[in-house]
Amino acid sequence: MSHPSAVPDLVAAAGFALEGVEVVIPGAQGALAHHVRSMAMPRTVMITGSGPLRLLNEREEGLAYVCRAGVCQLPVSNVDELDGELRRAIDS
């Protein structure tokens, strides 16, 4: 076999597609982004900053949006609310 890690990589990719969580925080990185980075969050992607990314368009800077399977929850503005949204996204 010329690519011995191909099957485990495909299984990991399928797991992300089915169970992955996206955290979108438009604008400059602040307390919300630092909080997400401090957590062990497998199958989670955090997107921050500004630019032409579809996930950043028409979103308010300084708020965090937790998304799963292409659906984003209402934005949150503090760490406690963010923890609640992340728990719900991971548990569902």
Protein backbone atom coordinates (compact mmCIF):
# COMPACT_ATOMS: atom_id res chain seq x y z
CA MET A 1 0.00 0.00 0.00
CA SER A 2 1.51 3.33 -0.99
CA HIS A 3 -0.60 5.45 1.41
CA PRO A 4 -0.94 3.51 4.68
CA SER A 5 -2.63 6.40 6.48
CA ALA A 6 -5.30 6.99 3.82
CA VAL A 7 -8.07 5.01 5.52
CA PRO A 8 -7.56 6.53 9.01
CA ASP A 9 -7.42 9.99 7.41
CA LEU A 10 -10.71 9.35 5.59
CA VAL A 11 -12.36 8.12 8.79
CA ALA A 12 -11.16 11.24 10.63
CA ALA A 13 -12.48 13.46 7.82
CA ALA A 14 -15.86 11.71 7.91
CA GLY A 15 -16.01 12.23 11.67
CA PHE A 16 -15.34 15.94 11.24
CA ALA A 17 -17.98 16.23 8.54
CA LEU A 18 -20.58 14.52 10.72
CA GLU A 19 -19.62 15.88 14.15
CA GLY A 20 -17.47 18.94 13.49
CA VAL A 21 -18.06 22.29 15.14
CA GLU A 22 -17.12 25.69 13.72
CA VAL A 23 -16.60 28.74 15.89
CA VAL A 24 -16.70 31.99 13.93
CA ILE A 25 -15.45 35.17 15.61
CA PRO A 26 -15.30 38.10 13.20
CA GLY A 27 -12.85 40.93 13.85
CA ALA A 28 -9.81 41.18 16.08
CA GLN A 29 -9.07 38.28 18.36
CA GLY A 30 -10.19 38.93 21.91
CA ALA A 31 -11.28 37.07 25.02
CA LEU A 32 -13.68 34.77 23.14
CA ALA A 33 -11.00 33.55 20.72
CA HIS A 34 -8.46 33.11 23.51
CA HIS A 35 -11.00 31.10 25.49
CA VAL A 36 -11.68 28.72 22.58
CA ARG A 37 -7.93 28.25 22.07
CA SER A 38 -7.49 27.31 25.73
CA MET A 39 -9.93 24.40 25.42
CA ALA A 40 -9.31 20.88 24.16
CA MET A 41 -11.81 20.77 21.30
CA PRO A 42 -11.36 17.87 18.89
CA ARG A 43 -13.09 18.26 15.54
CA THR A 44 -13.43 22.00 16.03
CA VAL A 45 -12.33 24.77 13.70
CA MET A 46 -12.12 28.40 14.77
CA ILE A 47 -12.28 31.15 12.17
CA THR A 48 -11.38 34.70 13.17
CA GLY A 49 -10.48 37.95 11.47
CA SER A 50 -11.94 39.77 8.53
CA GLY A 51 -11.96 39.34 4.82
CA PRO A 52 -13.99 37.85 2.01
CA LEU A 53 -14.75 34.53 3.73
CA ARG A 54 -18.41 33.56 3.49
CA LEU A 55 -18.49 32.62 7.18
CA LEU A 56 -17.38 36.12 8.18
CA ASN A 57 -19.78 38.04 5.92
CA GLU A 58 -22.59 39.97 7.59
CA ARG A 59 -21.55 38.96 11.10
CA GLU A 60 -20.97 41.38 13.93
CA GLU A 61 -17.40 41.80 15.13
CA GLY A 62 -16.65 40.76 18.69
CA LEU A 63 -19.40 38.13 18.83
CA ALA A 64 -18.94 34.37 18.57
CA TYR A 65 -21.08 32.17 16.36
CA VAL A 66 -21.09 28.41 17.07
CA CYS A 67 -22.03 26.38 14.00
CA ARG A 68 -22.64 22.73 13.33
CA ALA A 69 -23.63 21.02 10.08
CA GLY A 70 -23.83 24.41 8.37
CA VAL A 71 -26.27 25.89 10.90
CA CYS A 72 -25.11 28.65 13.24
CA GLN A 73 -26.69 29.45 16.58
CA LEU A 74 -27.45 32.98 17.70
CA PRO A 75 -24.26 34.94 18.44
CA VAL A 76 -22.90 35.18 21.97
CA SER A 77 -20.90 37.97 23.54
CA ASN A 78 -19.27 36.45 26.62
CA VAL A 79 -17.34 33.37 27.70
CA ASP A 80 -20.17 31.87 29.77
CA GLU A 81 -22.63 32.01 26.86
CA LEU A 82 -19.95 30.63 24.54
CA ASP A 83 -19.33 27.68 26.88
CA GLY A 84 -23.06 26.89 26.85
CA GLU A 85 -23.25 26.97 23.05
CA LEU A 86 -20.14 24.81 22.71
CA ARG A 87 -21.52 22.24 25.17
CA ARG A 88 -24.79 22.05 23.24
CA ALA A 89 -22.96 21.72 19.90
CA ILE A 90 -20.67 18.98 21.16
CA ASP A 91 -23.40 17.05 22.99
CA SER A 92 -25.84 17.02 20.08
